[in-house]
Amino acid sequence: MSRAQPAEGHAIDLDYLRTWIGRESVSEDTLSVRHARLMAATLGLPQTQFTVGTPLPPLWHWLYFLEGLPPAELGRDGHPARGGFLPPVPLENRMWAGGRLEFHAPVALGRTVRKRSTVTSVEHKRGRSGNLVFVTVRHDILDGDTVAITEDHDIVYRQPAPPGTARATVAEMPTPSHSERFEATSTMLFRYSALTFNGHRIHYDVDYCRNVEGYSNLVVHGPLQATLLADLATRLGTRPLRQFRYRGVQPNLLGTPLTINAAPSGDGMTLWTAQPDGTVSMQAETVFQSA
């Protein structure tokens, strides 16, 4: 399959990009205990709690089904070159925008499971910083013939933000019933990139961040923040998660601490990470399984 690079700055041909809708990829992986224990070490959790048969924590399936491409098939940002499974969107920056997950059945460490991924939509919008293209991919995690997890993953492509671009306004969030402090370190960013085989240079190459994508420092992974929010909901809730919806609002940069917050909301919780000035970095909504 061709992996031609896009000509950056060219007009967005939405009809052409939409020819990628329906493309499918299937992979298989064994949910190794060792990989889960390395993730536990990264987050400062006890490693011995993870053994064969332990249910995989919410969102930890992102540690598996990793695509390893040779250097010649990578783009300048460290991601796979565009034009393969994902469409060749001609905008320089790409990030996780958010997603929606449904947990239908637990998946245990040690199991060999499959992931079926399908491009489901490509949309063009105009934002404060210019053109935005959102690509949505549906992932089904199958344990045998059982669909254990369904996930709709939104990827955003945009132009680099020029220096001095205004930050997102402070969102009105409820009064938290629980808050914890969190601050990523460069070691944590390195480890999480390694665990997820994420070559995106915004997480480890500060010169690239500043000179190419317009960030003043390394960017804390959106999936890492989402994982922390799902973990907090799991610890505070009395029942397993049934649904988890998350959305990135403002990038969090290395050196800027966060609070991880939760407040009750209907049958679930509202959760968010906030920077010191109150700016929300990521927000999420959860629904718990019925009693």
Protein backbone atom coordinates (compact mmCIF):
# COMPACT_ATOMS: atom_id res chain seq x y z
CA MET A 1 0.00 0.00 0.00
CA SER A 2 1.35 3.46 -0.90
CA ARG A 3 2.53 5.75 1.89
CA ALA A 4 3.04 8.91 -0.14
CA GLN A 5 3.57 12.08 1.88
CA PRO A 6 1.08 14.94 1.41
CA ALA A 7 2.20 18.21 -0.10
CA GLU A 8 1.81 20.37 3.02
CA GLY A 9 0.01 23.65 2.53
CA HIS A 10 -1.95 22.45 -0.51
CA ALA A 11 -5.71 22.81 -0.65
CA ILE A 12 -7.72 20.18 1.18
CA ASP A 13 -9.40 17.84 -1.29
CA LEU A 14 -12.09 16.46 0.99
CA ASP A 15 -13.61 14.20 -1.66
CA TYR A 16 -10.22 12.54 -2.20
CA LEU A 17 -9.55 12.18 1.53
CA ARG A 18 -12.96 10.57 1.95
CA THR A 19 -11.97 7.74 -0.38
CA TRP A 20 -10.15 6.38 2.69
CA ILE A 21 -13.50 5.82 4.46
CA GLY A 22 -14.09 2.10 4.82
CA ARG A 23 -10.40 1.12 4.86
CA GLU A 24 -9.87 -1.67 7.36
CA SER A 25 -6.92 -3.10 9.25
CA VAL A 26 -6.91 -6.20 11.49
CA SER A 27 -4.17 -7.09 13.96
CA GLU A 28 -3.67 -9.62 16.74
CA ASP A 29 -1.75 -9.39 19.99
CA THR A 30 -1.28 -11.16 23.30
CA LEU A 31 -1.99 -8.96 26.32
CA SER A 32 1.35 -9.57 28.01
CA VAL A 33 1.73 -9.25 31.76
CA ARG A 34 5.20 -7.75 31.31
CA HIS A 35 3.91 -4.84 29.25
CA ALA A 36 1.20 -4.12 31.84
CA ARG A 37 3.77 -4.19 34.63
CA LEU A 38 5.95 -1.72 32.74
CA MET A 39 2.94 0.57 32.46
CA ALA A 40 2.34 0.18 36.20
CA ALA A 41 5.95 1.17 36.84
CA THR A 42 5.49 4.24 34.64
CA LEU A 43 2.45 5.34 36.65
CA GLY A 44 3.92 4.41 40.04
CA LEU A 45 1.47 1.54 40.64
CA PRO A 46 2.29 -1.81 42.30
CA GLN A 47 3.45 -4.17 39.58
CA THR A 48 2.65 -7.42 41.39
CA GLN A 49 -1.11 -6.84 41.08
CA PHE A 50 -0.83 -7.66 37.36
CA THR A 51 -0.74 -11.39 36.61
CA VAL A 52 -2.23 -13.72 33.99
CA GLY A 53 -6.02 -13.41 34.30
CA THR A 54 -6.01 -9.88 35.76
CA PRO A 55 -8.60 -7.73 33.96
CA LEU A 56 -6.95 -5.13 31.75
CA PRO A 57 -7.57 -1.63 33.22
CA PRO A 58 -9.62 0.78 31.09
CA LEU A 59 -7.68 2.26 28.14
CA TRP A 60 -4.65 0.04 28.70
CA HIS A 61 -5.44 -1.73 25.42
CA TRP A 62 -3.57 1.25 23.88
CA LEU A 63 -0.36 -0.51 25.01
CA TYR A 64 -0.97 -3.34 22.54
CA PHE A 65 -1.52 -3.85 18.77
CA LEU A 66 1.46 -1.57 18.10
CA GLU A 67 2.52 -0.90 14.51
CA GLY A 68 6.28 -0.98 13.98
CA LEU A 69 7.34 0.55 10.67
CA PRO A 70 10.89 1.01 9.36
CA PRO A 71 12.32 4.55 9.29
CA ALA A 72 11.71 4.91 5.55
CA GLU A 73 7.96 4.62 6.16
CA LEU A 74 7.76 7.36 8.81
CA GLY A 75 6.83 11.01 8.31
CA ARG A 76 8.92 13.89 9.59
CA ASP A 77 6.82 14.02 12.76
CA GLY A 78 7.76 10.43 13.66
CA HIS A 79 4.30 9.03 12.92
CA PRO A 80 3.68 6.58 10.06
CA ALA A 81 3.79 8.47 6.77
CA ARG A 82 0.37 9.54 5.56
CA GLY A 83 -1.44 7.84 2.77
CA GLY A 84 -1.39 4.32 4.19
CA PHE A 85 -4.25 3.32 6.48
CA LEU A 86 -4.93 6.98 7.32
CA PRO A 87 -5.61 9.56 4.60
CA PRO A 88 -2.85 11.99 3.50
CA VAL A 89 -4.22 15.13 5.16
CA PRO A 90 -2.02 18.09 4.05
CA LEU A 91 -1.85 19.79 7.47
CA GLU A 92 1.36 19.62 9.49
CA ASN A 93 0.18 18.95 13.06
CA ARG A 94 -1.79 15.87 14.11
CA MET A 95 -2.93 14.87 17.58
CA TRP A 96 -5.49 12.76 19.42
CA ALA A 97 -8.62 14.92 19.61
CA GLY A 98 -10.71 12.57 21.72
CA GLY A 99 -12.82 9.47 21.59
CA ARG A 100 -15.76 7.42 22.82
CA LEU A 101 -15.44 3.94 24.29
CA GLU A 102 -17.90 1.24 25.33
CA PHE A 103 -16.76 -1.59 27.57
CA HIS A 104 -18.88 -4.68 26.89
CA ALA A 105 -16.85 -7.41 28.59
CA PRO A 106 -13.60 -7.58 30.59
CA VAL A 107 -10.41 -8.65 28.82
CA ALA A 108 -7.82 -10.56 30.81
CA LEU A 109 -4.06 -10.33 30.70
CA GLY A 110 -2.57 -13.33 28.92
CA ARG A 111 -5.36 -13.53 26.35
CA THR A 112 -4.67 -13.33 22.61
CA VAL A 113 -7.12 -10.84 21.16
CA ARG A 114 -7.75 -9.06 17.86
CA LYS A 115 -8.30 -5.43 16.91
CA ARG A 116 -10.35 -4.51 13.85
CA SER A 117 -9.91 -0.87 12.79
CA THR A 118 -11.99 0.97 10.18
CA VAL A 119 -11.86 4.58 8.96
CA THR A 120 -15.42 5.81 9.44
CA SER A 121 -15.38 9.54 8.70
CA VAL A 122 -13.29 12.45 7.42
CA GLU A 123 -14.55 15.98 8.19
CA HIS A 124 -13.18 19.46 7.38
CA LYS A 125 -13.82 22.41 9.73
CA ARG A 126 -12.49 25.90 10.33
CA GLY A 127 -11.12 26.69 13.79
CA ARG A 128 -9.48 29.71 15.42
CA SER A 129 -6.10 28.60 14.06
CA GLY A 130 -7.37 27.82 10.55
CA ASN A 131 -8.20 24.56 8.79
CA LEU A 132 -8.96 21.45 10.83
CA VAL A 133 -9.52 17.95 9.51
CA PHE A 134 -10.97 15.29 11.81
CA VAL A 135 -10.53 11.62 10.96
CA THR A 136 -12.50 9.08 12.99
CA VAL A 137 -11.46 5.45 13.28
CA ARG A 138 -13.64 2.71 14.79
CA HIS A 139 -11.72 0.05 16.72
CA ASP A 140 -13.33 -3.21 17.84
CA ILE A 141 -11.37 -5.29 20.37
CA LEU A 142 -12.42 -8.93 19.99
CA ASP A 143 -11.77 -11.68 22.52
CA GLY A 144 -12.63 -14.75 20.46
CA ASP A 145 -16.00 -13.95 18.91
CA THR A 146 -16.91 -11.49 21.68
CA VAL A 147 -16.56 -7.76 21.08
CA ALA A 148 -15.11 -6.64 24.40
CA ILE A 149 -14.45 -2.96 23.62
CA THR A 150 -15.69 -0.60 20.92
CA GLU A 151 -13.87 2.68 20.44
CA ASP A 152 -14.38 5.65 18.14
CA HIS A 153 -11.08 7.50 18.00
CA ASP A 154 -10.93 11.09 16.67
CA ILE A 155 -7.64 12.36 15.18
CA VAL A 156 -7.27 16.08 14.44
CA TYR A 157 -4.98 17.57 11.80
CA ARG A 158 -4.29 21.31 11.88
CA GLN A 159 -1.81 24.00 10.95
CA PRO A 160 0.85 24.97 13.51
CA ALA A 161 -0.38 27.68 15.87
CA PRO A 162 1.54 30.94 15.29
CA PRO A 163 3.43 32.41 18.28
CA GLY A 164 1.16 34.33 20.62
CA THR A 165 -1.99 32.44 19.67
CA ALA A 166 -4.57 32.88 22.41
CA ARG A 167 -5.09 29.95 24.74
CA ALA A 168 -8.44 28.24 25.13
CA THR A 169 -10.84 30.03 27.42
CA VAL A 170 -11.32 28.61 30.90
CA ALA A 171 -14.26 26.20 30.73
CA GLU A 172 -16.95 26.22 33.39
CA MET A 173 -16.56 22.94 35.24
CA PRO A 174 -18.48 21.69 38.31
CA THR A 175 -17.02 21.88 41.78
CA PRO A 176 -14.79 18.81 42.09
CA SER A 177 -15.60 16.24 44.74
CA HIS A 178 -12.08 14.85 44.41
CA SER A 179 -8.80 16.32 43.12
CA GLU A 180 -5.27 14.99 42.80
CA ARG A 181 -2.09 16.72 41.68
CA PHE A 182 -0.12 15.38 38.74
CA GLU A 183 2.96 16.60 36.95
CA ALA A 184 4.57 14.63 34.16
CA THR A 185 8.33 14.30 33.92
CA SER A 186 10.47 13.87 30.82
CA THR A 187 11.16 10.30 31.98
CA MET A 188 7.43 9.54 32.13
CA LEU A 189 6.91 10.97 28.65
CA PHE A 190 9.77 8.85 27.33
CA ARG A 191 8.45 5.71 28.99
CA TYR A 192 4.88 6.22 27.79
CA SER A 193 6.09 6.87 24.24
CA ALA A 194 8.17 3.71 24.42
CA LEU A 195 5.33 1.61 25.84
CA THR A 196 2.95 2.71 23.09
CA PHE A 197 5.68 2.77 20.40
CA ASN A 198 4.68 6.37 19.75
CA GLY A 199 7.35 8.07 17.68
CA HIS A 200 5.61 11.46 17.60
CA ARG A 201 8.43 13.94 18.16
CA ILE A 202 6.32 16.42 20.15
CA HIS A 203 6.79 14.14 23.17
CA TYR A 204 10.60 13.96 23.17
CA ASP A 205 12.17 16.42 20.71
CA VAL A 206 11.93 19.93 22.15
CA ASP A 207 13.60 21.59 19.15
CA TYR A 208 11.03 20.00 16.85
CA CYS A 209 8.24 21.17 19.21
CA ARG A 210 9.42 24.78 19.09
CA ASN A 211 10.65 25.09 15.52
CA VAL A 212 8.10 22.98 13.62
CA GLU A 213 4.86 22.56 15.55
CA GLY A 214 4.87 25.77 17.60
CA TYR A 215 4.89 24.37 21.15
CA SER A 216 7.22 25.94 23.73
CA ASN A 217 8.02 22.62 25.38
CA LEU A 218 7.37 18.88 25.13
CA VAL A 219 3.68 17.92 24.96
CA VAL A 220 2.17 15.56 27.53
CA HIS A 221 0.38 12.73 25.73
CA GLY A 222 -3.38 13.11 25.45
CA PRO A 223 -3.86 9.32 25.84
CA LEU A 224 -1.84 9.43 29.06
CA GLN A 225 -4.16 12.09 30.47
CA ALA A 226 -7.21 10.11 29.38
CA THR A 227 -5.78 7.01 31.08
CA LEU A 228 -5.31 8.96 34.31
CA LEU A 229 -8.92 10.15 34.18
CA ALA A 230 -10.23 6.63 33.54
CA ASP A 231 -8.09 5.35 36.40
CA LEU A 232 -9.51 7.98 38.77
CA ALA A 233 -13.08 7.08 37.75
CA THR A 234 -12.31 3.38 38.32
CA ARG A 235 -10.90 4.06 41.80
CA LEU A 236 -13.75 6.33 42.86
CA GLY A 237 -16.61 4.32 41.34
CA THR A 238 -18.25 1.28 42.88
CA ARG A 239 -18.97 -0.43 39.52
CA PRO A 240 -16.93 -0.99 36.36
CA LEU A 241 -16.98 1.57 33.56
CA ARG A 242 -19.52 1.07 30.79
CA GLN A 243 -18.81 4.21 28.76
CA PHE A 244 -15.93 6.66 28.64
CA ARG A 245 -15.93 9.80 26.47
CA TYR A 246 -12.96 12.16 26.41
CA ARG A 247 -11.92 15.28 24.53
CA GLY A 248 -8.66 17.18 24.41
CA VAL A 249 -9.19 20.90 25.03
CA GLN A 250 -5.73 22.43 25.47
CA PRO A 251 -2.29 20.79 25.20
CA ASN A 252 -0.46 20.37 28.48
CA LEU A 253 3.26 21.05 28.27
CA LEU A 254 6.10 19.63 30.32
CA GLY A 255 6.70 21.76 33.41
CA THR A 256 3.04 22.75 33.83
CA PRO A 257 1.39 20.77 36.66
CA LEU A 258 -2.17 19.51 36.44
CA THR A 259 -4.94 18.71 38.85
CA ILE A 260 -6.96 15.59 38.04
CA ASN A 261 -10.56 16.27 39.04
CA ALA A 262 -13.83 14.37 39.37
CA ALA A 263 -17.43 15.31 40.17
CA PRO A 264 -20.56 13.12 40.24
CA SER A 265 -22.78 13.36 37.17
CA GLY A 266 -25.94 11.27 36.78
CA ASP A 267 -24.97 7.60 36.54
CA GLY A 268 -21.30 8.45 36.21
CA MET A 269 -18.77 11.22 36.63
CA THR A 270 -17.43 14.32 34.96
CA LEU A 271 -13.64 14.32 34.99
CA TRP A 272 -11.02 16.77 33.79
CA THR A 273 -7.40 17.78 34.01
CA ALA A 274 -6.78 21.45 34.75
CA GLN A 275 -3.72 23.65 34.52
CA PRO A 276 -2.83 26.12 37.30
CA ASP A 277 -4.82 28.99 35.72
CA GLY A 278 -7.91 26.76 35.53
CA THR A 279 -7.59 26.01 31.81
CA VAL A 280 -8.97 22.55 31.09
CA SER A 281 -6.50 20.33 29.26
CA MET A 282 -8.72 17.24 28.88
CA GLN A 283 -12.27 16.51 29.95
CA ALA A 284 -14.20 13.24 30.11
CA GLU A 285 -17.58 11.80 30.96
CA THR A 286 -18.14 8.31 32.31
CA VAL A 287 -21.12 6.03 32.81
CA PHE A 288 -20.85 3.02 35.12
CA GLN A 289 -22.25 -0.45 34.58
CA SER A 290 -25.76 -1.04 35.93
CA ALA A 291 -25.96 -2.60 39.37
